[in-house]
Amino acid sequence: MQENILNAFAEQAKTMYAPMSKFNTLFVDNMEKMTDFQLGAIKAYAEMGLDQMKKAADIKDTDSLRAYTASQAEAATALNKKIMEDAKAMSDMAMEFKTQVESIMEEARSTASATATSTAKTTSAKTKSAA
């Protein structure tokens, strides 16, 4: 009798903690993906900034100054485009994460409902047989 209770408890614990384990794995994977993305973005922004500093350091006369100032509009446009692309990519990652979390939660709800129904039937059957 006690062994049955312990086995049932162990199975319920597995069922209860499975969604948490999936969520933790998803969370770690998502944090790794976001960190990689952010490091890549930081590198790209740093390279853009360093490129502009190099161009400024190469100014030797009025012609090179004129070329530098003209290139600033292009650099600003490129930076703006990069920022918009990065914002969209971050938004897409967040939406994907949200969808995956909702999927895990729905799976947990259906599993909990099935487990509760199964437990109720088992308890009812044991109660009737004991009587």
C-alpha atoms as a PDB file:
ATOM      1  CA  MET A   1       0.000   0.000   0.000  1.00  0.00           C
ATOM      2  CA  GLN A   2       2.733   2.456   1.018  1.00  0.00           C
ATOM      3  CA  GLU A   3       4.762   1.533  -2.036  1.00  0.00           C
ATOM      4  CA  ASN A   4       1.796   2.384  -4.273  1.00  0.00           C
ATOM      5  CA  ILE A   5       1.410   5.742  -2.563  1.00  0.00           C
ATOM      6  CA  LEU A   6       5.130   6.505  -2.909  1.00  0.00           C
ATOM      7  CA  ASN A   7       5.114   5.455  -6.570  1.00  0.00           C
ATOM      8  CA  ALA A   8       2.068   7.618  -7.235  1.00  0.00           C
ATOM      9  CA  PHE A   9       3.731  10.544  -5.468  1.00  0.00           C
ATOM     10  CA  ALA A  10       6.927  10.075  -7.504  1.00  0.00           C
ATOM     11  CA  GLU A  11       4.953  10.040 -10.756  1.00  0.00           C
ATOM     12  CA  GLN A  12       3.013  13.148  -9.768  1.00  0.00           C
ATOM     13  CA  ALA A  13       6.270  14.922  -8.858  1.00  0.00           C
ATOM     14  CA  LYS A  14       7.732  14.060 -12.274  1.00  0.00           C
ATOM     15  CA  THR A  15       4.594  15.323 -13.966  1.00  0.00           C
ATOM     16  CA  MET A  16       4.582  18.493 -11.879  1.00  0.00           C
ATOM     17  CA  TYR A  17       8.261  19.342 -12.389  1.00  0.00           C
ATOM     18  CA  ALA A  18       8.515  18.463 -16.097  1.00  0.00           C
ATOM     19  CA  PRO A  19       7.102  21.839 -17.275  1.00  0.00           C
ATOM     20  CA  MET A  20       9.429  23.681 -14.890  1.00  0.00           C
ATOM     21  CA  SER A  21      12.389  21.795 -16.318  1.00  0.00           C
ATOM     22  CA  LYS A  22      11.287  22.633 -19.878  1.00  0.00           C
ATOM     23  CA  PHE A  23      10.859  26.284 -18.916  1.00  0.00           C
ATOM     24  CA  ASN A  24      14.311  26.434 -17.319  1.00  0.00           C
ATOM     25  CA  THR A  25      15.889  24.912 -20.432  1.00  0.00           C
ATOM     26  CA  LEU A  26      13.990  27.344 -22.652  1.00  0.00           C
ATOM     27  CA  PHE A  27      15.008  30.275 -20.444  1.00  0.00           C
ATOM     28  CA  VAL A  28      18.702  29.353 -20.528  1.00  0.00           C
ATOM     29  CA  ASP A  29      18.615  28.811 -24.305  1.00  0.00           C
ATOM     30  CA  ASN A  30      16.882  32.158 -24.781  1.00  0.00           C
ATOM     31  CA  MET A  31      19.369  33.971 -22.543  1.00  0.00           C
ATOM     32  CA  GLU A  32      22.231  32.459 -24.539  1.00  0.00           C
ATOM     33  CA  LYS A  33      20.637  33.528 -27.816  1.00  0.00           C
ATOM     34  CA  MET A  34      19.975  37.067 -26.537  1.00  0.00           C
ATOM     35  CA  THR A  35      23.510  37.380 -25.156  1.00  0.00           C
ATOM     36  CA  ASP A  36      25.029  36.268 -28.460  1.00  0.00           C
ATOM     37  CA  PHE A  37      22.823  38.728 -30.303  1.00  0.00           C
ATOM     38  CA  GLN A  38      23.711  41.602 -27.991  1.00  0.00           C
ATOM     39  CA  LEU A  39      27.434  40.866 -28.179  1.00  0.00           C
ATOM     40  CA  GLY A  40      27.181  40.860 -31.971  1.00  0.00           C
ATOM     41  CA  ALA A  41      25.296  44.151 -31.920  1.00  0.00           C
ATOM     42  CA  ILE A  42      27.832  45.755 -29.576  1.00  0.00           C
ATOM     43  CA  LYS A  43      30.636  44.623 -31.871  1.00  0.00           C
ATOM     44  CA  ALA A  44      28.876  46.053 -34.939  1.00  0.00           C
ATOM     45  CA  TYR A  45      28.210  49.407 -33.213  1.00  0.00           C
ATOM     46  CA  ALA A  46      31.803  49.576 -31.967  1.00  0.00           C
ATOM     47  CA  GLU A  47      33.112  48.876 -35.464  1.00  0.00           C
ATOM     48  CA  MET A  48      30.888  51.632 -36.876  1.00  0.00           C
ATOM     49  CA  GLY A  49      32.157  54.084 -34.262  1.00  0.00           C
ATOM     50  CA  LEU A  50      35.787  53.128 -34.770  1.00  0.00           C
ATOM     51  CA  ASP A  51      35.389  53.474 -38.536  1.00  0.00           C
ATOM     52  CA  GLN A  52      34.069  57.007 -38.066  1.00  0.00           C
ATOM     53  CA  MET A  53      36.962  57.859 -35.731  1.00  0.00           C
ATOM     54  CA  LYS A  54      39.459  56.572 -38.286  1.00  0.00           C
ATOM     55  CA  LYS A  55      37.825  58.671 -40.974  1.00  0.00           C
ATOM     56  CA  ALA A  56      37.972  61.731 -38.712  1.00  0.00           C
ATOM     57  CA  ALA A  57      41.630  61.059 -37.980  1.00  0.00           C
ATOM     58  CA  ASP A  58      42.343  60.954 -41.722  1.00  0.00           C
ATOM     59  CA  ILE A  59      41.171  64.552 -42.224  1.00  0.00           C
ATOM     60  CA  LYS A  60      44.155  66.445 -43.607  1.00  0.00           C
ATOM     61  CA  ASP A  61      42.636  69.299 -45.596  1.00  0.00           C
ATOM     62  CA  THR A  62      39.348  70.932 -46.534  1.00  0.00           C
ATOM     63  CA  ASP A  63      38.614  68.362 -49.241  1.00  0.00           C
ATOM     64  CA  SER A  64      38.957  65.450 -46.839  1.00  0.00           C
ATOM     65  CA  LEU A  65      36.866  67.391 -44.291  1.00  0.00           C
ATOM     66  CA  ARG A  66      34.150  67.896 -46.895  1.00  0.00           C
ATOM     67  CA  ALA A  67      34.238  64.171 -47.779  1.00  0.00           C
ATOM     68  CA  TYR A  68      34.079  63.260 -44.087  1.00  0.00           C
ATOM     69  CA  THR A  69      31.074  65.457 -43.376  1.00  0.00           C
ATOM     70  CA  ALA A  70      29.306  64.107 -46.460  1.00  0.00           C
ATOM     71  CA  SER A  71      29.933  60.549 -45.281  1.00  0.00           C
ATOM     72  CA  GLN A  72      28.361  61.364 -41.900  1.00  0.00           C
ATOM     73  CA  ALA A  73      24.869  61.292 -43.412  1.00  0.00           C
ATOM     74  CA  GLU A  74      25.572  57.838 -44.836  1.00  0.00           C
ATOM     75  CA  ALA A  75      26.947  56.669 -41.496  1.00  0.00           C
ATOM     76  CA  ALA A  76      23.891  57.996 -39.663  1.00  0.00           C
ATOM     77  CA  THR A  77      21.607  56.240 -42.134  1.00  0.00           C
ATOM     78  CA  ALA A  78      23.528  52.966 -41.734  1.00  0.00           C
ATOM     79  CA  LEU A  79      23.402  53.283 -37.950  1.00  0.00           C
ATOM     80  CA  ASN A  80      19.665  54.006 -38.001  1.00  0.00           C
ATOM     81  CA  LYS A  81      19.066  50.999 -40.252  1.00  0.00           C
ATOM     82  CA  LYS A  82      21.128  48.756 -37.961  1.00  0.00           C
ATOM     83  CA  ILE A  83      19.227  49.953 -34.895  1.00  0.00           C
ATOM     84  CA  MET A  84      15.873  49.257 -36.565  1.00  0.00           C
ATOM     85  CA  GLU A  85      16.996  45.780 -37.704  1.00  0.00           C
ATOM     86  CA  ASP A  86      18.277  44.975 -34.214  1.00  0.00           C
ATOM     87  CA  ALA A  87      15.056  46.183 -32.601  1.00  0.00           C
ATOM     88  CA  LYS A  88      13.007  43.975 -34.933  1.00  0.00           C
ATOM     89  CA  ALA A  89      15.267  40.989 -34.263  1.00  0.00           C
ATOM     90  CA  MET A  90      14.930  41.476 -30.489  1.00  0.00           C
ATOM     91  CA  SER A  91      11.167  41.784 -30.835  1.00  0.00           C
ATOM     92  CA  ASP A  92      11.026  38.594 -32.897  1.00  0.00           C
ATOM     93  CA  MET A  93      13.090  36.741 -30.293  1.00  0.00           C
ATOM     94  CA  ALA A  94      10.803  37.978 -27.519  1.00  0.00           C
ATOM     95  CA  MET A  95       7.689  36.879 -29.415  1.00  0.00           C
ATOM     96  CA  GLU A  96       9.198  33.449 -30.085  1.00  0.00           C
ATOM     97  CA  PHE A  97      10.052  33.086 -26.389  1.00  0.00           C
ATOM     98  CA  LYS A  98       6.518  34.145 -25.402  1.00  0.00           C
ATOM     99  CA  THR A  99       4.999  31.598 -27.785  1.00  0.00           C
ATOM    100  CA  GLN A 100       7.207  28.826 -26.431  1.00  0.00           C
ATOM    101  CA  VAL A 101       6.372  29.726 -22.805  1.00  0.00           C
ATOM    102  CA  GLU A 102       2.655  29.711 -23.636  1.00  0.00           C
ATOM    103  CA  SER A 103       3.074  26.284 -25.235  1.00  0.00           C
ATOM    104  CA  ILE A 104       4.773  24.941 -22.113  1.00  0.00           C
ATOM    105  CA  MET A 105       2.070  26.430 -19.900  1.00  0.00           C
ATOM    106  CA  GLU A 106      -0.706  24.921 -22.034  1.00  0.00           C
ATOM    107  CA  GLU A 107       1.021  21.543 -21.922  1.00  0.00           C
ATOM    108  CA  ALA A 108       1.345  21.843 -18.135  1.00  0.00           C
ATOM    109  CA  ARG A 109      -2.353  22.733 -17.808  1.00  0.00           C
ATOM    110  CA  SER A 110      -3.482  19.771 -19.892  1.00  0.00           C
ATOM    111  CA  THR A 111      -1.121  17.413 -18.047  1.00  0.00           C
ATOM    112  CA  ALA A 112      -2.308  18.700 -14.662  1.00  0.00           C
ATOM    113  CA  SER A 113      -5.921  18.306 -15.723  1.00  0.00           C
ATOM    114  CA  ALA A 114      -5.323  14.759 -16.962  1.00  0.00           C
ATOM    115  CA  THR A 115      -3.425  13.879 -13.774  1.00  0.00           C
ATOM    116  CA  ALA A 116      -6.175  15.312 -11.574  1.00  0.00           C
ATOM    117  CA  THR A 117      -8.835  13.396 -13.476  1.00  0.00           C
ATOM    118  CA  SER A 118      -6.809  10.183 -13.284  1.00  0.00           C
ATOM    119  CA  THR A 119      -6.143  10.638  -9.577  1.00  0.00           C
ATOM    120  CA  ALA A 120      -9.796  11.347  -8.882  1.00  0.00           C
ATOM    121  CA  LYS A 121     -10.872   8.183 -10.738  1.00  0.00           C
ATOM    122  CA  THR A 122      -8.243   6.077  -8.950  1.00  0.00           C
ATOM    123  CA  THR A 123      -9.228   7.461  -5.545  1.00  0.00           C
ATOM    124  CA  SER A 124     -12.901   6.929  -6.282  1.00  0.00           C
ATOM    125  CA  ALA A 125     -12.298   3.351  -7.375  1.00  0.00           C
ATOM    126  CA  LYS A 126     -10.190   2.603  -4.268  1.00  0.00           C
ATOM    127  CA  THR A 127     -12.814   4.171  -2.025  1.00  0.00           C
ATOM    128  CA  LYS A 128     -15.573   2.018  -3.568  1.00  0.00           C
ATOM    129  CA  SER A 129     -13.500  -1.170  -3.336  1.00  0.00           C
ATOM    130  CA  ALA A 130     -12.614  -0.439   0.299  1.00  0.00           C
ATOM    131  CA  ALA A 131     -16.256  -0.001   1.186  1.00  0.00           C
END
